[in-house]
Amino acid sequence: MEPVGHIAGVASAVIGSVSGMLGLALGTLFGRAYDGTVLPLVGGFTAAGLLALTATEIAERAALAQGARASALEVGAITDEACERS
């Protein structure tokens, strides 16, 4: 929320809405797959876990890349123009 502190309430509402809609869509898919066994539940948990792991990995890589650029700017290893090109 830090980058959007001036509109934190709106940002929170958007995040909550997107989260709810994603949950609704995935829950509907997993619910429609129900066939009287536990396999759709296990598949849904597996798919949701893999989706969360993938999202976390992407976010962490982006944060690390952004942090590396900021560190290079601090020590003067690169210029602002070089950072903007990358």
N, C-alpha and C. Protein backbone atom coordinates (compact mmCIF):
# COMPACT_ATOMS: atom_id res chain seq x y z
N MET A 1 0.81 -1.20 0.00
CA MET A 1 0.00 0.00 0.00
C MET A 1 0.86 1.26 0.00
N GLU A 2 2.13 1.12 0.32
CA GLU A 2 2.98 2.29 0.46
C GLU A 2 3.03 3.16 -0.80
N PRO A 3 3.15 2.58 -2.00
CA PRO A 3 3.20 3.43 -3.19
C PRO A 3 1.91 4.21 -3.46
N VAL A 4 0.80 3.74 -2.92
CA VAL A 4 -0.49 4.41 -3.14
C VAL A 4 -1.10 4.87 -1.82
N GLY A 5 -0.25 5.36 -0.92
CA GLY A 5 -0.70 5.77 0.40
C GLY A 5 -1.77 6.84 0.39
N HIS A 6 -1.70 7.73 -0.60
CA HIS A 6 -2.67 8.82 -0.66
C HIS A 6 -4.06 8.34 -1.04
N ILE A 7 -4.17 7.15 -1.62
CA ILE A 7 -5.49 6.59 -1.96
C ILE A 7 -5.58 5.16 -1.43
N ALA A 8 -5.09 4.93 -0.22
CA ALA A 8 -5.02 3.57 0.34
C ALA A 8 -6.40 2.92 0.43
N GLY A 9 -7.43 3.68 0.73
CA GLY A 9 -8.77 3.11 0.82
C GLY A 9 -9.25 2.56 -0.51
N VAL A 10 -9.02 3.33 -1.56
CA VAL A 10 -9.42 2.88 -2.90
C VAL A 10 -8.60 1.67 -3.31
N ALA A 11 -7.29 1.72 -3.05
CA ALA A 11 -6.42 0.60 -3.41
C ALA A 11 -6.84 -0.66 -2.67
N SER A 12 -7.18 -0.53 -1.40
CA SER A 12 -7.63 -1.67 -0.62
C SER A 12 -8.93 -2.25 -1.18
N ALA A 13 -9.83 -1.38 -1.57
CA ALA A 13 -11.10 -1.84 -2.14
C ALA A 13 -10.88 -2.56 -3.46
N VAL A 14 -9.97 -2.05 -4.28
CA VAL A 14 -9.68 -2.69 -5.57
C VAL A 14 -9.05 -4.06 -5.33
N ILE A 15 -8.08 -4.14 -4.42
CA ILE A 15 -7.44 -5.42 -4.12
C ILE A 15 -8.47 -6.42 -3.60
N GLY A 16 -9.33 -5.99 -2.72
CA GLY A 16 -10.37 -6.87 -2.19
C GLY A 16 -11.35 -7.33 -3.25
N SER A 17 -11.71 -6.43 -4.15
CA SER A 17 -12.64 -6.79 -5.23
C SER A 17 -12.02 -7.79 -6.19
N VAL A 18 -10.79 -7.54 -6.58
CA VAL A 18 -10.11 -8.45 -7.50
C VAL A 18 -9.93 -9.82 -6.84
N SER A 19 -9.55 -9.82 -5.58
CA SER A 19 -9.40 -11.08 -4.84
C SER A 19 -10.72 -11.84 -4.77
N GLY A 20 -11.79 -11.14 -4.49
CA GLY A 20 -13.10 -11.78 -4.42
C GLY A 20 -13.55 -12.34 -5.76
N MET A 21 -13.33 -11.58 -6.82
CA MET A 21 -13.72 -12.05 -8.16
C MET A 21 -12.90 -13.27 -8.59
N LEU A 22 -11.60 -13.24 -8.28
CA LEU A 22 -10.76 -14.38 -8.61
C LEU A 22 -11.20 -15.62 -7.83
N GLY A 23 -11.51 -15.42 -6.55
CA GLY A 23 -12.00 -16.53 -5.74
C GLY A 23 -13.33 -17.07 -6.25
N LEU A 24 -14.19 -16.19 -6.67
CA LEU A 24 -15.48 -16.60 -7.23
C LEU A 24 -15.29 -17.43 -8.49
N ALA A 25 -14.43 -16.96 -9.38
CA ALA A 25 -14.20 -17.67 -10.64
C ALA A 25 -13.57 -19.04 -10.40
N LEU A 26 -12.54 -19.08 -9.57
CA LEU A 26 -11.88 -20.37 -9.30
C LEU A 26 -12.79 -21.30 -8.52
N GLY A 27 -13.52 -20.77 -7.55
CA GLY A 27 -14.45 -21.59 -6.79
C GLY A 27 -15.54 -22.19 -7.66
N THR A 28 -16.01 -21.42 -8.61
CA THR A 28 -17.02 -21.92 -9.54
C THR A 28 -16.46 -23.05 -10.39
N LEU A 29 -15.25 -22.86 -10.89
CA LEU A 29 -14.62 -23.92 -11.69
C LEU A 29 -14.44 -25.20 -10.88
N PHE A 30 -13.92 -25.06 -9.67
CA PHE A 30 -13.69 -26.23 -8.84
C PHE A 30 -15.02 -26.87 -8.42
N GLY A 31 -16.01 -26.06 -8.15
CA GLY A 31 -17.32 -26.58 -7.77
C GLY A 31 -17.99 -27.33 -8.90
N ARG A 32 -17.83 -26.82 -10.12
CA ARG A 32 -18.43 -27.50 -11.28
C ARG A 32 -17.75 -28.83 -11.57
N ALA A 33 -16.51 -28.96 -11.12
CA ALA A 33 -15.77 -30.21 -11.35
C ALA A 33 -16.15 -31.30 -10.35
N TYR A 34 -16.95 -30.97 -9.34
CA TYR A 34 -17.30 -31.94 -8.31
C TYR A 34 -18.06 -33.12 -8.92
N ASP A 35 -17.56 -34.32 -8.62
CA ASP A 35 -18.18 -35.52 -9.16
C ASP A 35 -18.50 -36.54 -8.07
N GLY A 36 -18.59 -36.09 -6.83
CA GLY A 36 -18.90 -37.01 -5.74
C GLY A 36 -17.67 -37.58 -5.06
N THR A 37 -16.49 -37.28 -5.57
CA THR A 37 -15.25 -37.75 -4.96
C THR A 37 -14.47 -36.56 -4.43
N VAL A 38 -13.36 -36.86 -3.80
CA VAL A 38 -12.52 -35.80 -3.23
C VAL A 38 -11.49 -35.29 -4.25
N LEU A 39 -11.39 -35.91 -5.40
CA LEU A 39 -10.37 -35.54 -6.38
C LEU A 39 -10.47 -34.09 -6.87
N PRO A 40 -11.66 -33.55 -7.16
CA PRO A 40 -11.72 -32.14 -7.55
C PRO A 40 -11.22 -31.19 -6.46
N LEU A 41 -11.46 -31.54 -5.20
CA LEU A 41 -10.99 -30.72 -4.09
C LEU A 41 -9.46 -30.73 -4.04
N VAL A 42 -8.88 -31.91 -4.17
CA VAL A 42 -7.42 -32.03 -4.18
C VAL A 42 -6.84 -31.29 -5.39
N GLY A 43 -7.47 -31.43 -6.52
CA GLY A 43 -7.01 -30.70 -7.71
C GLY A 43 -7.12 -29.20 -7.53
N GLY A 44 -8.20 -28.75 -6.91
CA GLY A 44 -8.38 -27.32 -6.67
C GLY A 44 -7.33 -26.77 -5.71
N PHE A 45 -7.06 -27.52 -4.64
CA PHE A 45 -6.01 -27.10 -3.70
C PHE A 45 -4.66 -27.05 -4.39
N THR A 46 -4.38 -28.04 -5.22
CA THR A 46 -3.10 -28.09 -5.93
C THR A 46 -2.99 -26.92 -6.90
N ALA A 47 -4.04 -26.67 -7.67
CA ALA A 47 -4.02 -25.57 -8.63
C ALA A 47 -3.89 -24.22 -7.93
N ALA A 48 -4.62 -24.03 -6.83
CA ALA A 48 -4.54 -22.77 -6.09
C ALA A 48 -3.15 -22.59 -5.48
N GLY A 49 -2.57 -23.65 -4.97
CA GLY A 49 -1.22 -23.58 -4.41
C GLY A 49 -0.19 -23.23 -5.45
N LEU A 50 -0.28 -23.86 -6.62
CA LEU A 50 0.66 -23.56 -7.70
C LEU A 50 0.49 -22.13 -8.21
N LEU A 51 -0.75 -21.66 -8.27
CA LEU A 51 -1.01 -20.29 -8.69
C LEU A 51 -0.41 -19.30 -7.68
N ALA A 52 -0.58 -19.57 -6.40
CA ALA A 52 -0.02 -18.71 -5.37
C ALA A 52 1.51 -18.73 -5.40
N LEU A 53 2.09 -19.90 -5.59
CA LEU A 53 3.55 -20.02 -5.66
C LEU A 53 4.09 -19.25 -6.86
N THR A 54 3.43 -19.36 -8.00
CA THR A 54 3.86 -18.65 -9.19
C THR A 54 3.76 -17.14 -9.00
N ALA A 55 2.65 -16.67 -8.44
CA ALA A 55 2.48 -15.23 -8.20
C ALA A 55 3.54 -14.70 -7.24
N THR A 56 3.84 -15.47 -6.20
CA THR A 56 4.86 -15.06 -5.24
C THR A 56 6.22 -15.01 -5.89
N GLU A 57 6.55 -15.98 -6.69
CA GLU A 57 7.85 -16.02 -7.37
C GLU A 57 8.01 -14.82 -8.31
N ILE A 58 6.97 -14.50 -9.06
CA ILE A 58 7.03 -13.34 -9.96
C ILE A 58 7.21 -12.06 -9.18
N ALA A 59 6.45 -11.91 -8.10
CA ALA A 59 6.54 -10.69 -7.28
C ALA A 59 7.92 -10.56 -6.64
N GLU A 60 8.47 -11.66 -6.14
CA GLU A 60 9.79 -11.62 -5.50
C GLU A 60 10.89 -11.28 -6.50
N ARG A 61 10.81 -11.86 -7.69
CA ARG A 61 11.81 -11.55 -8.72
C ARG A 61 11.75 -10.08 -9.12
N ALA A 62 10.56 -9.54 -9.23
CA ALA A 62 10.41 -8.13 -9.59
C ALA A 62 10.96 -7.24 -8.47
N ALA A 63 10.69 -7.61 -7.22
CA ALA A 63 11.20 -6.83 -6.09
C ALA A 63 12.72 -6.88 -6.02
N LEU A 64 13.29 -8.05 -6.26
CA LEU A 64 14.75 -8.18 -6.25
C LEU A 64 15.38 -7.36 -7.38
N ALA A 65 14.78 -7.40 -8.55
CA ALA A 65 15.32 -6.63 -9.68
C ALA A 65 15.23 -5.13 -9.39
N GLN A 66 14.13 -4.70 -8.82
CA GLN A 66 13.96 -3.28 -8.49
C GLN A 66 14.95 -2.87 -7.41
N GLY A 67 15.16 -3.73 -6.42
CA GLY A 67 16.12 -3.44 -5.36
C GLY A 67 17.54 -3.38 -5.88
N ALA A 68 17.88 -4.25 -6.82
CA ALA A 68 19.23 -4.24 -7.40
C ALA A 68 19.46 -2.95 -8.18
N ARG A 69 18.45 -2.49 -8.91
CA ARG A 69 18.59 -1.23 -9.64
C ARG A 69 18.76 -0.06 -8.69
N ALA A 70 17.98 -0.07 -7.60
CA ALA A 70 18.07 1.02 -6.63
C ALA A 70 19.45 1.03 -5.96
N SER A 71 19.99 -0.16 -5.65
CA SER A 71 21.31 -0.25 -5.03
C SER A 71 22.39 0.25 -5.98
N ALA A 72 22.28 -0.10 -7.24
CA ALA A 72 23.27 0.34 -8.23
C ALA A 72 23.22 1.85 -8.40
N LEU A 73 22.02 2.42 -8.33
CA LEU A 73 21.90 3.88 -8.42
C LEU A 73 22.53 4.55 -7.21
N GLU A 74 22.36 3.95 -6.02
CA GLU A 74 22.90 4.53 -4.79
C GLU A 74 24.42 4.61 -4.81
N VAL A 75 25.06 3.56 -5.30
CA VAL A 75 26.53 3.54 -5.30
C VAL A 75 27.10 4.21 -6.54
N GLY A 76 26.25 4.64 -7.44
CA GLY A 76 26.71 5.34 -8.63
C GLY A 76 27.23 4.43 -9.72
N ALA A 77 26.90 3.14 -9.62
CA ALA A 77 27.38 2.19 -10.63
C ALA A 77 26.71 2.40 -11.97
N ILE A 78 25.48 2.84 -11.94
CA ILE A 78 24.77 3.16 -13.20
C ILE A 78 24.09 4.51 -13.04
N THR A 79 23.69 5.06 -14.16
CA THR A 79 23.01 6.36 -14.14
C THR A 79 21.50 6.14 -14.24
N ASP A 80 20.76 7.21 -13.99
CA ASP A 80 19.30 7.12 -14.11
C ASP A 80 18.88 6.73 -15.52
N GLU A 81 19.57 7.24 -16.52
CA GLU A 81 19.21 6.95 -17.91
C GLU A 81 19.42 5.46 -18.22
N ALA A 82 20.50 4.89 -17.72
CA ALA A 82 20.75 3.46 -17.96
C ALA A 82 19.72 2.61 -17.26
N CYS A 83 19.31 3.04 -16.08
CA CYS A 83 18.30 2.30 -15.33
C CYS A 83 16.95 2.34 -16.04
N GLU A 84 16.61 3.47 -16.64
CA GLU A 84 15.33 3.60 -17.34
C GLU A 84 15.31 2.75 -18.60
N ARG A 85 16.45 2.55 -19.24
CA ARG A 85 16.50 1.73 -20.45
C ARG A 85 16.34 0.26 -20.15
N SER A 86 16.71 -0.18 -18.97
CA SER A 86 16.66 -1.60 -18.67
C SER A 86 15.33 -2.05 -18.17
